[in-house]
N, C-alpha and C. Protein backbone atom coordinates (compact mmCIF):
# COMPACT_ATOMS: atom_id res chain seq x y z
N MET A 1 13.35 65.18 -49.53
CA MET A 1 13.28 64.86 -47.91
C MET A 1 14.61 65.67 -47.60
N PRO A 2 13.77 66.59 -47.04
CA PRO A 2 15.11 67.44 -45.88
C PRO A 2 16.68 67.08 -45.91
N THR A 3 17.56 67.57 -45.37
CA THR A 3 19.27 66.63 -45.28
C THR A 3 19.15 66.50 -43.62
N TRP A 4 18.33 67.14 -43.19
CA TRP A 4 17.84 66.34 -41.96
C TRP A 4 17.73 65.96 -41.22
N TYR A 5 16.58 65.50 -42.51
CA TYR A 5 16.06 64.26 -41.49
C TYR A 5 16.09 63.02 -41.52
N ALA A 6 16.09 62.56 -40.01
CA ALA A 6 17.09 61.29 -39.93
C ALA A 6 16.13 60.09 -38.97
N PRO A 7 14.99 59.87 -39.46
CA PRO A 7 13.53 59.61 -38.69
C PRO A 7 14.35 58.37 -37.40
N THR A 8 14.19 58.89 -36.33
CA THR A 8 14.92 58.21 -35.38
C THR A 8 13.94 57.28 -34.68
N MET A 9 12.06 57.57 -34.45
CA MET A 9 11.20 57.43 -33.90
C MET A 9 9.88 57.09 -35.03
N ASN A 10 9.66 56.51 -34.89
CA ASN A 10 8.25 55.59 -36.05
C ASN A 10 6.99 56.40 -35.29
N ARG A 11 5.67 55.81 -35.54
CA ARG A 11 4.90 56.22 -35.26
C ARG A 11 4.53 55.52 -33.97
N GLN A 12 4.73 54.49 -34.37
CA GLN A 12 4.60 53.86 -33.02
C GLN A 12 5.15 53.72 -31.68
N SER A 13 6.64 53.85 -32.03
CA SER A 13 7.64 54.92 -30.62
C SER A 13 7.13 55.86 -30.66
N LEU A 14 6.52 56.89 -30.71
CA LEU A 14 6.05 57.68 -30.13
C LEU A 14 4.90 57.80 -29.80
N GLU A 15 4.11 57.23 -30.07
CA GLU A 15 2.97 57.23 -30.01
C GLU A 15 3.22 56.42 -27.92
N ALA A 16 3.84 55.51 -28.26
CA ALA A 16 3.84 54.71 -27.11
C ALA A 16 5.29 55.83 -25.93
N ARG A 17 6.30 56.62 -26.64
CA ARG A 17 6.49 57.60 -25.81
C ARG A 17 5.93 58.72 -25.17
N LEU A 18 4.53 59.08 -25.67
CA LEU A 18 3.73 59.69 -25.40
C LEU A 18 3.36 59.15 -24.43
N HIS A 19 2.39 58.17 -24.59
CA HIS A 19 1.38 57.30 -23.63
C HIS A 19 2.25 57.11 -22.14
N THR A 20 3.61 56.58 -22.33
CA THR A 20 4.75 56.56 -21.03
C THR A 20 4.73 57.76 -20.64
N GLN A 21 5.23 58.95 -20.60
CA GLN A 21 6.03 59.59 -20.37
C GLN A 21 5.07 61.38 -20.07
N ILE A 22 4.13 61.24 -20.90
CA ILE A 22 2.50 62.32 -20.69
C ILE A 22 1.76 61.40 -20.86
N PRO A 23 1.27 60.49 -18.96
CA PRO A 23 0.14 59.74 -19.39
C PRO A 23 -1.56 60.28 -20.01
N LEU A 24 -1.26 61.75 -19.41
CA LEU A 24 -2.43 62.68 -20.52
C LEU A 24 -2.83 62.34 -22.03
N SER A 25 -1.64 61.80 -22.59
CA SER A 25 -1.94 61.60 -23.93
C SER A 25 -2.55 60.04 -24.17
N GLN A 26 -2.84 59.44 -22.92
CA GLN A 26 -3.06 58.09 -23.20
C GLN A 26 -4.63 58.46 -22.58
N TRP A 27 -5.53 59.31 -21.73
CA TRP A 27 -6.64 59.45 -21.46
C TRP A 27 -7.67 60.13 -22.75
N MET A 28 -6.40 61.20 -23.05
CA MET A 28 -7.31 61.83 -24.48
C MET A 28 -7.39 60.92 -25.00
N GLY A 29 -6.33 59.83 -25.49
CA GLY A 29 -7.23 58.71 -26.88
C GLY A 29 -5.88 59.61 -27.83
N VAL A 30 -5.38 60.15 -27.31
CA VAL A 30 -3.76 60.41 -28.65
C VAL A 30 -3.64 59.13 -29.53
N ARG A 31 -3.23 59.69 -31.06
CA ARG A 31 -2.70 58.16 -31.71
C ARG A 31 -1.72 59.35 -32.36
N VAL A 32 -1.06 58.50 -32.93
CA VAL A 32 0.55 59.08 -33.82
C VAL A 32 -0.20 59.40 -35.30
N VAL A 33 -1.05 59.74 -36.47
CA VAL A 33 -0.87 59.24 -37.29
C VAL A 33 -0.13 59.14 -38.08
N THR A 34 0.73 60.26 -38.28
CA THR A 34 1.91 60.72 -39.38
C THR A 34 3.13 61.02 -38.49
N ALA A 35 3.92 60.82 -38.45
CA ALA A 35 5.84 61.02 -38.14
C ALA A 35 6.69 60.94 -39.32
N GLY A 36 6.64 61.73 -40.02
CA GLY A 36 7.36 62.01 -41.57
C GLY A 36 7.90 63.18 -41.15
N PRO A 37 8.60 63.32 -42.66
CA PRO A 37 10.17 64.66 -43.03
C PRO A 37 9.02 66.01 -42.36
N ASP A 38 7.82 65.63 -43.19
CA ASP A 38 7.06 67.10 -43.73
C ASP A 38 6.77 67.77 -42.26
N GLU A 39 5.74 66.56 -41.50
CA GLU A 39 4.82 66.98 -40.28
C GLU A 39 4.78 66.03 -39.34
N ILE A 40 3.94 66.16 -38.10
CA ILE A 40 4.11 65.14 -37.63
C ILE A 40 2.41 65.35 -37.65
N ARG A 41 1.32 64.34 -37.42
CA ARG A 41 0.16 64.52 -37.14
C ARG A 41 -0.31 64.00 -35.94
N LEU A 42 -1.34 64.45 -35.03
CA LEU A 42 -1.83 63.27 -34.12
C LEU A 42 -3.35 63.50 -34.18
N GLU A 43 -3.53 62.90 -33.93
CA GLU A 43 -5.40 62.65 -33.67
C GLU A 43 -6.14 62.05 -32.41
N CYS A 44 -7.22 62.90 -32.27
CA CYS A 44 -7.96 62.34 -30.90
C CYS A 44 -9.12 62.60 -30.84
N PRO A 45 -9.88 61.25 -29.97
CA PRO A 45 -11.42 61.75 -30.41
C PRO A 45 -12.39 63.03 -29.85
N LEU A 46 -13.32 63.09 -30.39
CA LEU A 46 -14.25 64.14 -29.72
C LEU A 46 -14.66 63.81 -28.54
N THR A 47 -15.19 62.15 -28.47
CA THR A 47 -15.72 62.07 -27.10
C THR A 47 -15.19 62.35 -25.59
N GLN A 48 -13.92 61.84 -25.59
CA GLN A 48 -12.89 62.11 -24.32
C GLN A 48 -12.55 63.41 -24.55
N ASN A 49 -13.03 64.24 -25.44
CA ASN A 49 -12.12 65.87 -25.73
C ASN A 49 -12.89 66.82 -25.28
N HIS A 50 -14.46 66.72 -25.06
CA HIS A 50 -15.43 68.00 -25.15
C HIS A 50 -15.54 68.38 -23.92
N ASN A 51 -15.99 69.92 -24.38
CA ASN A 51 -16.90 70.83 -23.40
C ASN A 51 -18.51 70.30 -22.81
N HIS A 52 -18.84 71.46 -22.55
CA HIS A 52 -20.64 71.48 -21.81
C HIS A 52 -21.08 71.68 -23.05
N LEU A 53 -20.28 71.83 -24.53
CA LEU A 53 -21.49 72.43 -25.04
C LEU A 53 -21.14 71.37 -26.91
N GLY A 54 -20.26 70.69 -26.82
CA GLY A 54 -20.29 69.36 -27.65
C GLY A 54 -19.04 70.00 -28.33
N SER A 55 -18.61 70.72 -28.52
CA SER A 55 -17.60 71.18 -29.56
C SER A 55 -16.02 70.81 -28.29
N ALA A 56 -15.14 70.77 -29.18
CA ALA A 56 -13.65 70.67 -28.36
C ALA A 56 -13.18 71.27 -27.91
N PHE A 57 -12.87 70.85 -26.12
CA PHE A 57 -12.14 72.08 -25.19
C PHE A 57 -11.39 72.28 -25.38
N GLY A 58 -10.96 73.59 -25.34
CA GLY A 58 -10.01 74.25 -24.92
C GLY A 58 -8.54 73.75 -24.50
N GLY A 59 -8.65 73.41 -23.94
CA GLY A 59 -7.26 72.62 -22.99
C GLY A 59 -7.04 71.31 -24.03
N SER A 60 -8.19 70.26 -24.55
CA SER A 60 -7.34 69.32 -24.97
C SER A 60 -7.11 70.20 -26.76
N LEU A 61 -7.58 70.70 -26.81
CA LEU A 61 -7.16 71.44 -28.88
C LEU A 61 -5.36 71.64 -28.37
N SER A 62 -5.07 72.88 -27.39
CA SER A 62 -3.90 72.91 -26.24
C SER A 62 -2.78 72.06 -26.29
N CYS A 63 -3.53 70.96 -25.60
CA CYS A 63 -2.45 69.65 -25.22
C CYS A 63 -2.14 69.58 -26.57
N LEU A 64 -3.22 68.95 -27.25
CA LEU A 64 -3.12 68.16 -28.94
C LEU A 64 -1.63 68.69 -29.31
N MET A 65 -1.84 70.26 -29.10
CA MET A 65 -0.92 70.40 -30.04
C MET A 65 0.48 70.57 -29.82
N ILE A 66 0.27 70.60 -28.24
CA ILE A 66 1.71 70.96 -27.66
C ILE A 66 2.38 69.17 -27.75
N LEU A 67 1.35 68.45 -27.99
CA LEU A 67 2.00 67.20 -27.66
C LEU A 67 2.31 67.03 -29.34
N ALA A 68 2.17 67.31 -30.03
CA ALA A 68 2.51 67.52 -31.78
C ALA A 68 3.91 67.77 -31.65
N GLY A 69 4.08 68.99 -30.64
CA GLY A 69 5.36 70.15 -31.00
C GLY A 69 6.15 68.79 -30.38
N TYR A 70 5.93 68.40 -29.35
CA TYR A 70 6.74 67.41 -28.04
C TYR A 70 7.22 66.01 -29.07
N CYS A 71 6.54 65.99 -30.31
CA CYS A 71 6.88 64.29 -30.64
C CYS A 71 7.87 65.00 -32.05
N GLN A 72 7.47 66.51 -32.19
CA GLN A 72 8.98 67.17 -33.20
C GLN A 72 10.07 67.06 -32.82
N ALA A 73 9.62 67.39 -31.86
CA ALA A 73 11.30 68.32 -30.83
C ALA A 73 11.94 66.00 -30.08
N PHE A 74 11.47 65.09 -30.17
CA PHE A 74 11.69 63.89 -30.14
C PHE A 74 12.66 63.53 -31.18
N GLN A 75 11.64 63.69 -32.72
CA GLN A 75 12.35 63.06 -33.78
C GLN A 75 13.42 63.92 -34.15
N LEU A 76 13.99 65.15 -33.75
CA LEU A 76 14.67 66.01 -33.75
C LEU A 76 15.56 65.38 -33.05
N MET A 77 15.52 65.29 -31.35
CA MET A 77 16.67 64.12 -30.59
C MET A 77 17.00 63.38 -31.48
N GLY A 78 16.02 62.59 -31.19
CA GLY A 78 16.18 61.18 -31.14
C GLY A 78 15.81 60.81 -29.76
N ALA A 79 16.21 59.36 -29.71
CA ALA A 79 15.46 58.83 -28.68
C ALA A 79 15.97 58.95 -27.10
N SER A 80 17.17 59.33 -27.30
CA SER A 80 17.92 60.13 -25.86
C SER A 80 17.19 61.44 -25.27
N GLY A 81 17.37 62.07 -23.94
CA GLY A 81 16.99 63.41 -23.62
C GLY A 81 15.69 63.82 -23.54
N HIS A 82 15.57 65.07 -23.10
CA HIS A 82 13.91 65.44 -22.53
C HIS A 82 13.63 66.77 -23.18
N VAL A 83 12.20 66.83 -23.01
CA VAL A 83 11.67 67.98 -24.13
C VAL A 83 10.87 68.71 -22.83
N VAL A 84 11.22 70.27 -22.76
CA VAL A 84 10.24 70.40 -21.88
C VAL A 84 9.34 72.06 -22.61
N LEU A 85 8.32 71.91 -22.52
CA LEU A 85 7.56 73.43 -23.06
C LEU A 85 7.87 74.84 -22.03
N LYS A 86 8.57 75.43 -23.07
CA LYS A 86 9.07 76.60 -22.15
C LYS A 86 8.00 77.91 -22.46
N SER A 87 7.61 78.09 -23.45
CA SER A 87 6.56 79.23 -23.45
C SER A 87 5.17 78.98 -24.87
N ASN A 88 4.27 79.19 -24.90
CA ASN A 88 3.81 78.73 -25.55
C ASN A 88 2.90 80.05 -26.09
N SER A 89 1.97 80.94 -27.29
CA SER A 89 0.54 81.13 -27.25
C SER A 89 -0.82 80.66 -28.25
N THR A 90 -2.25 80.68 -28.26
CA THR A 90 -2.59 79.58 -28.55
C THR A 90 -3.67 81.18 -29.33
N ASP A 91 -4.23 80.88 -30.73
CA ASP A 91 -5.61 81.72 -31.35
C ASP A 91 -6.32 80.26 -32.01
N TYR A 92 -7.50 80.82 -30.77
CA TYR A 92 -8.64 79.71 -31.24
C TYR A 92 -10.03 80.53 -32.11
N ARG A 93 -9.50 80.02 -33.15
CA ARG A 93 -10.69 80.91 -34.61
C ARG A 93 -11.98 79.85 -34.50
N LEU A 94 -11.92 78.62 -34.81
CA LEU A 94 -13.36 77.83 -35.14
C LEU A 94 -13.69 77.26 -34.13
N PRO A 95 -14.91 76.55 -33.61
CA PRO A 95 -15.18 75.93 -32.81
C PRO A 95 -14.92 73.86 -33.58
N VAL A 96 -14.30 73.10 -32.71
CA VAL A 96 -14.00 72.09 -33.45
C VAL A 96 -15.56 71.02 -33.03
N ILE A 97 -15.66 70.22 -34.15
CA ILE A 97 -17.22 69.24 -33.11
C ILE A 97 -16.43 68.01 -34.32
N GLU A 98 -15.93 67.72 -34.14
CA GLU A 98 -15.12 66.52 -35.25
C GLU A 98 -13.50 65.95 -34.09
N PRO A 99 -13.39 64.78 -34.56
CA PRO A 99 -12.17 64.18 -33.77
C PRO A 99 -11.07 65.18 -33.95
N LEU A 100 -10.16 65.67 -33.30
CA LEU A 100 -8.90 66.49 -32.98
C LEU A 100 -8.01 66.20 -33.65
N ARG A 101 -7.19 66.96 -34.52
CA ARG A 101 -6.39 66.99 -35.75
C ARG A 101 -5.11 67.72 -35.23
N ALA A 102 -4.34 67.65 -34.78
CA ALA A 102 -3.01 68.55 -34.79
C ALA A 102 -1.90 68.01 -35.59
N VAL A 103 -1.09 69.51 -35.94
CA VAL A 103 0.08 68.93 -36.67
C VAL A 103 1.04 70.24 -36.68
N CYS A 104 1.72 69.14 -36.72
CA CYS A 104 3.83 70.45 -35.97
C CYS A 104 3.88 70.38 -37.40
N GLU A 105 4.18 71.66 -37.54
CA GLU A 105 4.91 71.86 -39.48
C GLU A 105 6.65 71.52 -39.28
N ARG A 106 7.12 71.43 -40.13
CA ARG A 106 8.08 70.81 -39.94
C ARG A 106 9.26 72.16 -40.25
N PRO A 107 10.29 72.34 -38.51
CA PRO A 107 10.67 74.14 -38.95
C PRO A 107 11.74 74.21 -40.05
N PRO A 108 12.40 75.55 -40.48
CA PRO A 108 13.27 75.58 -41.42
C PRO A 108 14.52 75.21 -40.73
N GLU A 109 15.36 74.07 -41.87
CA GLU A 109 16.40 73.97 -41.65
C GLU A 109 17.23 74.45 -41.03
N GLU A 110 17.77 76.13 -41.31
CA GLU A 110 18.25 76.33 -40.60
C GLU A 110 18.18 76.32 -38.94
N ASP A 111 16.94 76.55 -38.53
CA ASP A 111 16.60 76.31 -37.07
C ASP A 111 17.01 74.93 -36.58
N VAL A 112 16.97 74.16 -37.39
CA VAL A 112 16.80 72.42 -36.83
C VAL A 112 18.68 72.48 -36.84
N GLN A 113 19.52 73.14 -37.48
CA GLN A 113 20.76 73.09 -37.73
C GLN A 113 20.84 73.69 -36.45
N GLU A 114 20.65 74.48 -35.94
CA GLU A 114 21.06 75.67 -34.60
C GLU A 114 20.72 74.53 -34.19
N PHE A 115 19.36 73.83 -33.81
CA PHE A 115 19.24 73.23 -32.63
C PHE A 115 20.28 72.35 -32.16
N LEU A 116 20.05 71.63 -32.61
CA LEU A 116 21.05 70.24 -33.27
C LEU A 116 22.63 70.23 -32.66
N GLN A 117 23.27 71.77 -33.74
CA GLN A 117 24.19 71.90 -32.86
C GLN A 117 24.50 72.78 -31.64
N GLN A 118 23.60 73.36 -30.66
CA GLN A 118 23.58 73.46 -29.64
C GLN A 118 23.36 72.40 -28.71
N TYR A 119 22.66 71.75 -28.90
CA TYR A 119 22.28 70.17 -28.20
C TYR A 119 23.09 69.62 -27.97
N ALA A 120 23.87 69.10 -29.02
CA ALA A 120 24.95 68.09 -29.16
C ALA A 120 26.59 69.14 -28.02
N LYS A 121 26.59 70.33 -27.93
CA LYS A 121 27.71 71.06 -27.77
C LYS A 121 27.02 71.29 -26.31
N LYS A 122 26.33 72.03 -25.93
CA LYS A 122 26.02 72.28 -24.82
C LYS A 122 24.90 70.95 -24.06
N GLY A 123 24.54 70.37 -24.51
CA GLY A 123 23.07 69.19 -23.92
C GLY A 123 21.93 69.92 -23.53
N LYS A 124 21.63 71.24 -24.14
CA LYS A 124 20.39 72.30 -24.33
C LYS A 124 20.26 72.89 -25.27
N ALA A 125 19.24 72.97 -25.76
CA ALA A 125 18.70 74.19 -26.76
C ALA A 125 17.08 74.33 -26.91
N ARG A 126 17.32 75.77 -27.75
CA ARG A 126 15.60 76.06 -28.07
C ARG A 126 15.22 75.66 -29.76
N ILE A 127 14.30 75.54 -29.35
CA ILE A 127 13.81 75.51 -30.89
C ILE A 127 12.17 75.87 -30.59
N HIS A 128 11.58 76.93 -31.57
CA HIS A 128 10.01 77.38 -31.99
C HIS A 128 9.49 76.60 -32.85
N LEU A 129 8.74 76.20 -32.65
CA LEU A 129 7.70 75.69 -33.27
C LEU A 129 5.92 75.65 -33.68
N LYS A 130 5.47 75.24 -34.74
CA LYS A 130 4.41 76.25 -34.80
C LYS A 130 3.16 74.81 -35.38
N MET A 131 2.81 74.71 -34.64
CA MET A 131 1.47 73.59 -34.55
C MET A 131 -0.24 74.40 -35.27
N HIS A 132 -1.12 73.75 -35.72
CA HIS A 132 -2.43 74.63 -35.51
C HIS A 132 -3.33 72.52 -35.50
N THR A 133 -4.34 72.96 -35.14
CA THR A 133 -5.31 72.12 -35.47
C THR A 133 -6.32 71.94 -36.92
N VAL A 134 -6.55 70.88 -37.35
CA VAL A 134 -6.84 71.58 -38.74
C VAL A 134 -8.14 70.57 -38.45
N LEU A 135 -9.59 71.32 -39.67
CA LEU A 135 -10.41 70.44 -39.73
C LEU A 135 -10.73 69.37 -40.83
N SER A 136 -11.60 68.50 -41.03
CA SER A 136 -11.66 67.95 -42.19
C SER A 136 -11.78 68.11 -43.21
N ASP A 137 -12.27 69.58 -43.59
CA ASP A 137 -12.25 70.43 -44.68
C ASP A 137 -10.91 71.09 -44.75
N GLY A 138 -10.39 71.31 -44.18
CA GLY A 138 -9.20 71.64 -44.35
C GLY A 138 -8.53 73.33 -44.03
N ARG A 139 -10.28 73.66 -43.18
CA ARG A 139 -9.37 75.16 -42.40
C ARG A 139 -9.12 74.37 -40.83
N ILE A 140 -8.12 75.71 -40.76
CA ILE A 140 -7.56 75.62 -39.41
C ILE A 140 -8.52 76.36 -38.37
N ALA A 141 -8.71 75.27 -37.65
CA ALA A 141 -9.32 76.43 -36.57
C ALA A 141 -8.42 76.45 -35.11
N CYS A 142 -7.98 76.10 -34.76
CA CYS A 142 -6.22 76.92 -34.09
C CYS A 142 -5.04 76.37 -34.15
N SER A 143 -4.51 78.02 -33.98
CA SER A 143 -2.80 77.50 -34.28
C SER A 143 -2.22 77.82 -32.72
N MET A 144 -1.25 77.61 -32.25
CA MET A 144 -0.03 77.49 -31.53
C MET A 144 0.74 77.83 -31.91
N HIS A 145 2.17 79.41 -31.22
CA HIS A 145 3.40 79.26 -31.50
C HIS A 145 4.16 78.76 -30.32
N ALA A 146 5.00 77.89 -30.26
CA ALA A 146 5.70 76.85 -28.53
C ALA A 146 7.18 77.19 -28.95
N GLU A 147 8.03 77.56 -27.61
CA GLU A 147 9.23 77.30 -27.83
C GLU A 147 9.70 75.90 -26.64
N PHE A 148 10.59 75.47 -27.17
CA PHE A 148 10.67 74.19 -26.72
C PHE A 148 12.15 73.95 -26.57
N VAL A 149 12.25 73.09 -25.51
CA VAL A 149 13.95 73.11 -24.73
C VAL A 149 14.25 71.41 -24.94
N GLY A 150 14.98 71.24 -25.52
CA GLY A 150 15.64 70.03 -25.37
C GLY A 150 16.91 69.52 -24.89
N ILE A 151 17.05 68.62 -23.80
CA ILE A 151 17.86 68.71 -22.49
C ILE A 151 18.23 67.25 -22.89
N LYS A 152 19.64 67.04 -22.71
CA LYS A 152 20.33 65.96 -22.43
C LYS A 152 20.07 65.42 -21.25
């Protein structure tokens, strides 16, 4: 387990925070599947998030990855503070015709330490996170790089 990892929120509390602070997550049917030291994993049903072709709507894929990033930032900051998305870039590779699954990778420890130091010192800090949507066979359907800001 990484030395920085101190879980402040479990799956249920992260999911409740998402549904309360970002109501779209509840409407999409988002569930927090994993909230551990190596990754944040979210899922939501295709039935509520499809386009006219029956595949996942690009906006839903993007939103689910952003929500995974929010959860990662929430875990780093603890129960206090706010998170906002500063910027992101998304690459769509494959159609998704199954439940949507987004994963936020654990950031490098040096990035986390810098984020936490700035957050403690200035009450505001930025962190770059990588998220992707994974198909059931392990292939990556889309990926995102995003910058999040934590604010006390």
